[in-house]
Amino acid sequence: MNYSSFFTTENLNAWFGETLAVRSVTMGFIKNTVTAIIGPSGCGKSTFLRCLNRLHEEVPGARVQGKVLLQNRNIYDSKLDPVELRRQIGMVFQKPNPFPAFSIFDNVAVGLKLAGIRKAGILRDAVERSLKMAALWDEVKDKLQDAGTSLSGGQQQRLCIARALAVEPRVLLMDEPTSALDPISTAKIEELVGELKKAVTIIMVTHNMQQAARVSDRTAFFLLGDLVEHGATAELFTGPKDERTERYITGRFG
């Protein structure tokens, strides 16, 4: 399948000061699929993910070299507004982070309001649509004015997913989105990911190889800042091409 025209990286490098954290990564992402990024702690997974919507450059002393192309446009083009970019490439973080002073409704609507949308009907429809996509509407539809932080941890994470979806991104980045959740909430998020890929392309960092096997269509294995290999999840887990990948997924890594 040709994915070169949708979302790709070309010779992507990322530094923290003088430390090279991601080294010459070239790979592509297929539209409306889930790609899992796996590898041991400190291997560059989250740094790579944050390069994909220019969050890495927000870290003092951090820099990026190479290209990230969204439909053939380099997102590091100096003419491209990073705030506008992040509406197209949304992100959900490891720990749920609803805005504490905002209601459930306003947590979802905030990105739309920042984009200049003020009409109540448009906001209301967008909030309902996004909460339904995040499988949260039925649980909160009668308490939209309650604080976002009044929800459970799993509900808060789905609220953050709804917030990201409200601005209709093309890509959704997820940085270990279930690592702070209980097993029941984790299962709900995993089920949700399977539904969301119908509308958005998902790239998810996970430390859980079983989760990667369950939810992803493709998997990429990182080690010491290098992309070791990537491909269809079933093929990578059953017949990895690189010995380092095999050692990692069979628990013999170290």
C-alpha atoms as a PDB file:
ATOM      1  CA  MET A   1       0.000   0.000   0.000  1.00  0.00           C
ATOM      2  CA  ASN A   2       1.336   3.413  -0.948  1.00  0.00           C
ATOM      3  CA  TYR A   3       1.304   5.808   1.975  1.00  0.00           C
ATOM      4  CA  SER A   4       4.001   8.194   0.795  1.00  0.00           C
ATOM      5  CA  SER A   5       1.582  11.005   0.017  1.00  0.00           C
ATOM      6  CA  PHE A   6      -0.168  11.069   3.423  1.00  0.00           C
ATOM      7  CA  PHE A   7       2.117  11.277   6.479  1.00  0.00           C
ATOM      8  CA  THR A   8       5.830  10.463   6.467  1.00  0.00           C
ATOM      9  CA  THR A   9       9.126  11.288   8.109  1.00  0.00           C
ATOM     10  CA  GLU A  10      12.378  11.661   6.194  1.00  0.00           C
ATOM     11  CA  ASN A  11      15.747  11.417   7.978  1.00  0.00           C
ATOM     12  CA  LEU A  12      14.222  12.789  11.166  1.00  0.00           C
ATOM     13  CA  ASN A  13      16.692  13.575  13.962  1.00  0.00           C
ATOM     14  CA  ALA A  14      15.908  15.050  17.372  1.00  0.00           C
ATOM     15  CA  TRP A  15      18.232  16.400  20.062  1.00  0.00           C
ATOM     16  CA  PHE A  16      18.014  17.411  23.686  1.00  0.00           C
ATOM     17  CA  GLY A  17      20.942  19.823  23.840  1.00  0.00           C
ATOM     18  CA  GLU A  18      23.893  17.799  22.547  1.00  0.00           C
ATOM     19  CA  THR A  19      22.172  14.445  23.089  1.00  0.00           C
ATOM     20  CA  LEU A  20      20.814  12.805  19.940  1.00  0.00           C
ATOM     21  CA  ALA A  21      17.570  11.106  20.997  1.00  0.00           C
ATOM     22  CA  VAL A  22      16.106  10.141  17.600  1.00  0.00           C
ATOM     23  CA  ARG A  23      18.399   9.189  14.744  1.00  0.00           C
ATOM     24  CA  SER A  24      17.593   9.433  11.005  1.00  0.00           C
ATOM     25  CA  VAL A  25      14.090   7.963  11.140  1.00  0.00           C
ATOM     26  CA  THR A  26      12.345   7.518   7.803  1.00  0.00           C
ATOM     27  CA  MET A  27       8.923   5.874   7.825  1.00  0.00           C
ATOM     28  CA  GLY A  28       5.362   6.356   6.611  1.00  0.00           C
ATOM     29  CA  PHE A  29       1.925   6.062   8.145  1.00  0.00           C
ATOM     30  CA  ILE A  30      -1.080   4.669   6.288  1.00  0.00           C
ATOM     31  CA  LYS A  31      -4.274   6.683   6.433  1.00  0.00           C
ATOM     32  CA  ASN A  32      -7.000   5.356   8.762  1.00  0.00           C
ATOM     33  CA  THR A  33      -4.798   2.804  10.472  1.00  0.00           C
ATOM     34  CA  VAL A  34      -3.280   2.468  13.954  1.00  0.00           C
ATOM     35  CA  THR A  35       0.515   2.388  14.197  1.00  0.00           C
ATOM     36  CA  ALA A  36       2.027   1.317  17.529  1.00  0.00           C
ATOM     37  CA  ILE A  37       5.467   2.561  18.542  1.00  0.00           C
ATOM     38  CA  ILE A  38       7.176   0.083  20.889  1.00  0.00           C
ATOM     39  CA  GLY A  39      10.585  -0.216  22.530  1.00  0.00           C
ATOM     40  CA  PRO A  40      12.283  -0.085  25.946  1.00  0.00           C
ATOM     41  CA  SER A  41      12.211   2.999  28.151  1.00  0.00           C
ATOM     42  CA  GLY A  42      14.440   5.785  26.894  1.00  0.00           C
ATOM     43  CA  CYS A  43      14.560   4.504  23.322  1.00  0.00           C
ATOM     44  CA  GLY A  44      13.126   7.694  21.773  1.00  0.00           C
ATOM     45  CA  LYS A  45       9.469   6.657  21.323  1.00  0.00           C
ATOM     46  CA  SER A  46       7.853   9.664  22.973  1.00  0.00           C
ATOM     47  CA  THR A  47      10.439  12.077  21.579  1.00  0.00           C
ATOM     48  CA  PHE A  48       9.696  10.823  18.075  1.00  0.00           C
ATOM     49  CA  LEU A  49       5.958  11.192  18.679  1.00  0.00           C
ATOM     50  CA  ARG A  50       6.370  14.787  19.870  1.00  0.00           C
ATOM     51  CA  CYS A  51       8.341  15.609  16.749  1.00  0.00           C
ATOM     52  CA  LEU A  52       5.280  14.713  14.689  1.00  0.00           C
ATOM     53  CA  ASN A  53       3.362  17.823  15.796  1.00  0.00           C
ATOM     54  CA  ARG A  54       6.270  20.081  16.742  1.00  0.00           C
ATOM     55  CA  LEU A  55       5.894  19.708  20.506  1.00  0.00           C
ATOM     56  CA  HIS A  56       9.518  18.614  20.835  1.00  0.00           C
ATOM     57  CA  GLU A  57      10.749  22.059  19.839  1.00  0.00           C
ATOM     58  CA  GLU A  58       8.907  23.541  22.843  1.00  0.00           C
ATOM     59  CA  VAL A  59      11.499  21.959  25.169  1.00  0.00           C
ATOM     60  CA  PRO A  60      14.357  24.381  25.968  1.00  0.00           C
ATOM     61  CA  GLY A  61      17.502  23.323  24.105  1.00  0.00           C
ATOM     62  CA  ALA A  62      15.638  20.806  21.933  1.00  0.00           C
ATOM     63  CA  ARG A  63      15.905  20.840  18.157  1.00  0.00           C
ATOM     64  CA  VAL A  64      14.838  18.811  15.133  1.00  0.00           C
ATOM     65  CA  GLN A  65      16.466  18.133  11.777  1.00  0.00           C
ATOM     66  CA  GLY A  66      14.828  16.408   8.815  1.00  0.00           C
ATOM     67  CA  LYS A  67      11.297  16.421   7.461  1.00  0.00           C
ATOM     68  CA  VAL A  68       7.837  15.459   8.612  1.00  0.00           C
ATOM     69  CA  LEU A  69       5.476  15.581   5.639  1.00  0.00           C
ATOM     70  CA  LEU A  70       1.707  15.800   5.966  1.00  0.00           C
ATOM     71  CA  GLN A  71       0.290  15.366   2.486  1.00  0.00           C
ATOM     72  CA  ASN A  72       3.647  16.405   1.041  1.00  0.00           C
ATOM     73  CA  ARG A  73       3.953  19.605   3.106  1.00  0.00           C
ATOM     74  CA  ASN A  74       6.788  19.789   5.615  1.00  0.00           C
ATOM     75  CA  ILE A  75       5.275  20.629   9.005  1.00  0.00           C
ATOM     76  CA  TYR A  76       8.562  22.347   9.938  1.00  0.00           C
ATOM     77  CA  ASP A  77       8.046  24.922   7.181  1.00  0.00           C
ATOM     78  CA  SER A  78       8.664  28.311   8.829  1.00  0.00           C
ATOM     79  CA  LYS A  79       5.456  29.635   7.246  1.00  0.00           C
ATOM     80  CA  LEU A  80       3.316  27.028   9.018  1.00  0.00           C
ATOM     81  CA  ASP A  81       1.750  28.094  12.322  1.00  0.00           C
ATOM     82  CA  PRO A  82       2.421  25.366  14.949  1.00  0.00           C
ATOM     83  CA  VAL A  83      -0.917  26.089  16.649  1.00  0.00           C
ATOM     84  CA  GLU A  84      -2.798  25.514  13.394  1.00  0.00           C
ATOM     85  CA  LEU A  85      -0.703  22.399  12.778  1.00  0.00           C
ATOM     86  CA  ARG A  86      -1.746  20.922  16.128  1.00  0.00           C
ATOM     87  CA  ARG A  87      -5.368  21.182  15.092  1.00  0.00           C
ATOM     88  CA  GLN A  88      -4.519  18.843  12.219  1.00  0.00           C
ATOM     89  CA  ILE A  89      -2.247  16.592  14.298  1.00  0.00           C
ATOM     90  CA  GLY A  90      -3.815  16.278  17.757  1.00  0.00           C
ATOM     91  CA  MET A  91      -2.296  14.648  20.823  1.00  0.00           C
ATOM     92  CA  VAL A  92      -3.468  12.713  23.875  1.00  0.00           C
ATOM     93  CA  PHE A  93      -0.980  12.408  26.715  1.00  0.00           C
ATOM     94  CA  GLN A  94      -0.059   9.689  29.193  1.00  0.00           C
ATOM     95  CA  LYS A  95      -1.998  11.231  32.077  1.00  0.00           C
ATOM     96  CA  PRO A  96      -5.453  12.700  31.521  1.00  0.00           C
ATOM     97  CA  ASN A  97      -5.172  16.495  31.544  1.00  0.00           C
ATOM     98  CA  PRO A  98      -8.605  18.132  31.368  1.00  0.00           C
ATOM     99  CA  PHE A  99      -8.539  21.857  32.059  1.00  0.00           C
ATOM    100  CA  PRO A 100      -9.441  22.034  35.767  1.00  0.00           C
ATOM    101  CA  ALA A 101     -11.351  25.330  35.622  1.00  0.00           C
ATOM    102  CA  PHE A 102     -13.457  24.216  32.636  1.00  0.00           C
ATOM    103  CA  SER A 103     -16.720  22.318  32.449  1.00  0.00           C
ATOM    104  CA  ILE A 104     -17.010  19.091  30.472  1.00  0.00           C
ATOM    105  CA  PHE A 105     -18.599  21.092  27.649  1.00  0.00           C
ATOM    106  CA  ASP A 106     -15.903  23.779  27.625  1.00  0.00           C
ATOM    107  CA  ASN A 107     -13.107  21.212  27.781  1.00  0.00           C
ATOM    108  CA  VAL A 108     -14.319  19.817  24.473  1.00  0.00           C
ATOM    109  CA  ALA A 109     -15.181  23.186  22.905  1.00  0.00           C
ATOM    110  CA  VAL A 110     -11.986  25.039  23.831  1.00  0.00           C
ATOM    111  CA  GLY A 111     -10.122  24.320  20.592  1.00  0.00           C
ATOM    112  CA  LEU A 112     -13.088  25.448  18.503  1.00  0.00           C
ATOM    113  CA  LYS A 113     -13.411  28.666  20.509  1.00  0.00           C
ATOM    114  CA  LEU A 114      -9.710  29.371  20.067  1.00  0.00           C
ATOM    115  CA  ALA A 115     -10.277  28.934  16.320  1.00  0.00           C
ATOM    116  CA  GLY A 116     -12.865  31.706  16.455  1.00  0.00           C
ATOM    117  CA  ILE A 117     -16.046  29.626  16.464  1.00  0.00           C
ATOM    118  CA  ARG A 118     -18.629  31.233  18.732  1.00  0.00           C
ATOM    119  CA  LYS A 119     -22.062  30.165  17.472  1.00  0.00           C
ATOM    120  CA  ALA A 120     -23.758  28.189  20.229  1.00  0.00           C
ATOM    121  CA  GLY A 121     -25.408  25.712  17.875  1.00  0.00           C
ATOM    122  CA  ILE A 122     -22.179  24.853  16.082  1.00  0.00           C
ATOM    123  CA  LEU A 123     -20.355  24.403  19.391  1.00  0.00           C
ATOM    124  CA  ARG A 124     -23.144  22.280  20.837  1.00  0.00           C
ATOM    125  CA  ASP A 125     -23.239  19.988  17.812  1.00  0.00           C
ATOM    126  CA  ALA A 126     -19.460  19.637  17.737  1.00  0.00           C
ATOM    127  CA  VAL A 127     -19.283  18.813  21.452  1.00  0.00           C
ATOM    128  CA  GLU A 128     -21.989  16.155  21.116  1.00  0.00           C
ATOM    129  CA  ARG A 129     -20.345  14.657  18.024  1.00  0.00           C
ATOM    130  CA  SER A 130     -16.919  14.542  19.683  1.00  0.00           C
ATOM    131  CA  LEU A 131     -18.198  13.037  22.918  1.00  0.00           C
ATOM    132  CA  LYS A 132     -20.043  10.369  20.937  1.00  0.00           C
ATOM    133  CA  MET A 133     -16.887   9.582  18.975  1.00  0.00           C
ATOM    134  CA  ALA A 134     -15.031   9.266  22.286  1.00  0.00           C
ATOM    135  CA  ALA A 135     -17.748   6.914  23.624  1.00  0.00           C
ATOM    136  CA  LEU A 136     -18.478   9.325  26.494  1.00  0.00           C
ATOM    137  CA  TRP A 137     -21.723  11.061  25.501  1.00  0.00           C
ATOM    138  CA  ASP A 138     -24.127   8.687  27.255  1.00  0.00           C
ATOM    139  CA  GLU A 139     -22.175   9.025  30.506  1.00  0.00           C
ATOM    140  CA  VAL A 140     -21.993  12.841  30.594  1.00  0.00           C
ATOM    141  CA  LYS A 141     -24.858  14.214  28.461  1.00  0.00           C
ATOM    142  CA  ASP A 142     -26.830  15.252  31.568  1.00  0.00           C
ATOM    143  CA  LYS A 143     -23.909  16.927  33.344  1.00  0.00           C
ATOM    144  CA  LEU A 144     -22.056  18.877  30.655  1.00  0.00           C
ATOM    145  CA  GLN A 145     -21.639  21.851  32.999  1.00  0.00           C
ATOM    146  CA  ASP A 146     -19.881  19.788  35.687  1.00  0.00           C
ATOM    147  CA  ALA A 147     -16.124  20.190  35.972  1.00  0.00           C
ATOM    148  CA  GLY A 148     -14.078  17.992  33.669  1.00  0.00           C
ATOM    149  CA  THR A 149     -12.035  16.940  36.679  1.00  0.00           C
ATOM    150  CA  SER A 150     -15.176  15.503  38.344  1.00  0.00           C
ATOM    151  CA  LEU A 151     -14.963  12.504  36.024  1.00  0.00           C
ATOM    152  CA  SER A 152     -13.105   9.248  36.717  1.00  0.00           C
ATOM    153  CA  GLY A 153      -9.607   8.764  35.324  1.00  0.00           C
ATOM    154  CA  GLY A 154     -10.794   6.712  32.370  1.00  0.00           C
ATOM    155  CA  GLN A 155     -13.578   9.194  31.627  1.00  0.00           C
ATOM    156  CA  GLN A 156     -11.107  12.080  31.825  1.00  0.00           C
ATOM    157  CA  GLN A 157      -8.902  10.385  29.239  1.00  0.00           C
ATOM    158  CA  ARG A 158     -11.873   9.933  26.913  1.00  0.00           C
ATOM    159  CA  LEU A 159     -12.741  13.603  27.534  1.00  0.00           C
ATOM    160  CA  CYS A 160      -9.227  14.529  26.410  1.00  0.00           C
ATOM    161  CA  ILE A 161      -9.709  12.378  23.309  1.00  0.00           C
ATOM    162  CA  ALA A 162     -13.000  14.187  22.615  1.00  0.00           C
ATOM    163  CA  ARG A 163     -11.219  17.530  23.033  1.00  0.00           C
ATOM    164  CA  ALA A 164      -8.638  16.504  20.446  1.00  0.00           C
ATOM    165  CA  LEU A 165     -11.323  15.217  18.056  1.00  0.00           C
ATOM    166  CA  ALA A 166     -13.462  18.368  18.244  1.00  0.00           C
ATOM    167  CA  VAL A 167     -11.221  20.268  15.811  1.00  0.00           C
ATOM    168  CA  GLU A 168     -11.371  17.336  13.361  1.00  0.00           C
ATOM    169  CA  PRO A 169      -7.672  16.417  13.146  1.00  0.00           C
ATOM    170  CA  ARG A 170      -6.291  14.230  10.382  1.00  0.00           C
ATOM    171  CA  VAL A 171      -3.850  12.484  12.733  1.00  0.00           C
ATOM    172  CA  LEU A 172      -4.169  11.660  16.437  1.00  0.00           C
ATOM    173  CA  LEU A 173      -1.012  11.026  18.456  1.00  0.00           C
ATOM    174  CA  MET A 174      -1.387   9.033  21.687  1.00  0.00           C
ATOM    175  CA  ASP A 175       1.490   8.825  24.182  1.00  0.00           C
ATOM    176  CA  GLU A 176       0.868   5.752  26.363  1.00  0.00           C
ATOM    177  CA  PRO A 177      -2.786   6.798  26.793  1.00  0.00           C
ATOM    178  CA  THR A 178      -3.739   3.898  29.083  1.00  0.00           C
ATOM    179  CA  SER A 179      -0.658   3.575  31.315  1.00  0.00           C
ATOM    180  CA  ALA A 180      -2.326   5.507  34.157  1.00  0.00           C
ATOM    181  CA  LEU A 181      -5.673   3.692  33.862  1.00  0.00           C
ATOM    182  CA  ASP A 182      -7.241   0.599  35.412  1.00  0.00           C
ATOM    183  CA  PRO A 183      -7.872  -2.521  33.267  1.00  0.00           C
ATOM    184  CA  ILE A 184     -11.548  -1.720  32.608  1.00  0.00           C
ATOM    185  CA  SER A 185     -10.781   1.833  31.451  1.00  0.00           C
ATOM    186  CA  THR A 186      -7.869   0.515  29.389  1.00  0.00           C
ATOM    187  CA  ALA A 187     -10.176  -1.903  27.591  1.00  0.00           C
ATOM    188  CA  LYS A 188     -12.600   0.934  26.796  1.00  0.00           C
ATOM    189  CA  ILE A 189      -9.811   3.079  25.329  1.00  0.00           C
ATOM    190  CA  GLU A 190      -8.521   0.157  23.264  1.00  0.00           C
ATOM    191  CA  GLU A 191     -12.010  -0.506  21.902  1.00  0.00           C
ATOM    192  CA  LEU A 192     -12.373   3.195  21.161  1.00  0.00           C
ATOM    193  CA  VAL A 193      -9.104   3.275  19.213  1.00  0.00           C
ATOM    194  CA  GLY A 194     -10.454   0.580  16.919  1.00  0.00           C
ATOM    195  CA  GLU A 195     -13.489   2.736  16.149  1.00  0.00           C
ATOM    196  CA  LEU A 196     -11.632   6.030  15.809  1.00  0.00           C
ATOM    197  CA  LYS A 197      -9.328   4.839  13.044  1.00  0.00           C
ATOM    198  CA  LYS A 198     -12.330   4.980  10.712  1.00  0.00           C
ATOM    199  CA  ALA A 199     -12.140   8.768  11.019  1.00  0.00           C
ATOM    200  CA  VAL A 200      -8.533   9.570  11.902  1.00  0.00           C
ATOM    201  CA  THR A 201      -5.048   8.088  11.548  1.00  0.00           C
ATOM    202  CA  ILE A 202      -3.659   7.044  14.947  1.00  0.00           C
ATOM    203  CA  ILE A 203      -0.034   6.767  16.067  1.00  0.00           C
ATOM    204  CA  MET A 204       0.289   5.385  19.575  1.00  0.00           C
ATOM    205  CA  VAL A 205       3.302   4.940  21.813  1.00  0.00           C
ATOM    206  CA  THR A 206       2.820   1.998  24.158  1.00  0.00           C
ATOM    207  CA  HIS A 207       5.071   0.136  26.581  1.00  0.00           C
ATOM    208  CA  ASN A 208       2.639  -2.791  26.448  1.00  0.00           C
ATOM    209  CA  MET A 209       3.398  -5.209  23.612  1.00  0.00           C
ATOM    210  CA  GLN A 210       0.150  -7.091  24.178  1.00  0.00           C
ATOM    211  CA  GLN A 211      -1.706  -3.829  23.681  1.00  0.00           C
ATOM    212  CA  ALA A 212       0.221  -3.133  20.487  1.00  0.00           C
ATOM    213  CA  ALA A 213      -0.725  -6.575  19.205  1.00  0.00           C
ATOM    214  CA  ARG A 214      -4.394  -6.031  20.084  1.00  0.00           C
ATOM    215  CA  VAL A 215      -5.023  -2.545  18.712  1.00  0.00           C
ATOM    216  CA  SER A 216      -2.527  -1.754  15.959  1.00  0.00           C
ATOM    217  CA  ASP A 217      -2.402  -2.480  12.257  1.00  0.00           C
ATOM    218  CA  ARG A 218       1.296  -1.657  12.029  1.00  0.00           C
ATOM    219  CA  THR A 219       4.109  -1.580  14.590  1.00  0.00           C
ATOM    220  CA  ALA A 220       7.458   0.190  14.724  1.00  0.00           C
ATOM    221  CA  PHE A 221      10.251  -0.942  17.075  1.00  0.00           C
ATOM    222  CA  PHE A 222      12.662   1.702  18.383  1.00  0.00           C
ATOM    223  CA  LEU A 223      15.957   1.061  20.159  1.00  0.00           C
ATOM    224  CA  LEU A 224      18.483   3.657  21.372  1.00  0.00           C
ATOM    225  CA  GLY A 225      16.983   6.324  19.115  1.00  0.00           C
ATOM    226  CA  ASP A 226      16.986   4.146  16.001  1.00  0.00           C
ATOM    227  CA  LEU A 227      14.002   2.767  14.125  1.00  0.00           C
ATOM    228  CA  VAL A 228      15.015  -0.895  13.979  1.00  0.00           C
ATOM    229  CA  GLU A 229      12.103  -2.084  11.844  1.00  0.00           C
ATOM    230  CA  HIS A 230       8.449  -1.470  11.154  1.00  0.00           C
ATOM    231  CA  GLY A 231       5.700  -3.264   9.300  1.00  0.00           C
ATOM    232  CA  ALA A 232       2.373  -5.024   9.644  1.00  0.00           C
ATOM    233  CA  THR A 233       1.838  -5.876  13.316  1.00  0.00           C
ATOM    234  CA  ALA A 234       1.100  -9.567  12.737  1.00  0.00           C
ATOM    235  CA  GLU A 235       4.251  -9.959  10.647  1.00  0.00           C
ATOM    236  CA  LEU A 236       6.504  -8.042  13.038  1.00  0.00           C
ATOM    237  CA  PHE A 237       5.354 -10.063  16.053  1.00  0.00           C
ATOM    238  CA  THR A 238       5.444 -13.473  14.376  1.00  0.00           C
ATOM    239  CA  GLY A 239       8.402 -13.056  12.041  1.00  0.00           C
ATOM    240  CA  PRO A 240      10.587 -10.061  12.901  1.00  0.00           C
ATOM    241  CA  LYS A 241      13.380  -9.443  10.423  1.00  0.00           C
ATOM    242  CA  ASP A 242      15.882  -8.077  12.960  1.00  0.00           C
ATOM    243  CA  GLU A 243      17.311 -10.168  15.796  1.00  0.00           C
ATOM    244  CA  ARG A 244      17.022  -7.212  18.197  1.00  0.00           C
ATOM    245  CA  THR A 245      13.277  -7.036  17.567  1.00  0.00           C
ATOM    246  CA  GLU A 246      12.905 -10.757  18.191  1.00  0.00           C
ATOM    247  CA  ARG A 247      14.850 -10.529  21.446  1.00  0.00           C
ATOM    248  CA  TYR A 248      12.668  -7.642  22.625  1.00  0.00           C
ATOM    249  CA  ILE A 249       9.276  -9.122  21.815  1.00  0.00           C
ATOM    250  CA  THR A 250      10.209 -12.506  23.290  1.00  0.00           C
ATOM    251  CA  GLY A 251      11.422 -10.938  26.537  1.00  0.00           C
ATOM    252  CA  ARG A 252      15.080 -11.837  26.012  1.00  0.00           C
ATOM    253  CA  PHE A 253      16.136  -8.230  25.557  1.00  0.00           C
ATOM    254  CA  GLY A 254      18.721  -6.788  27.930  1.00  0.00           C
END
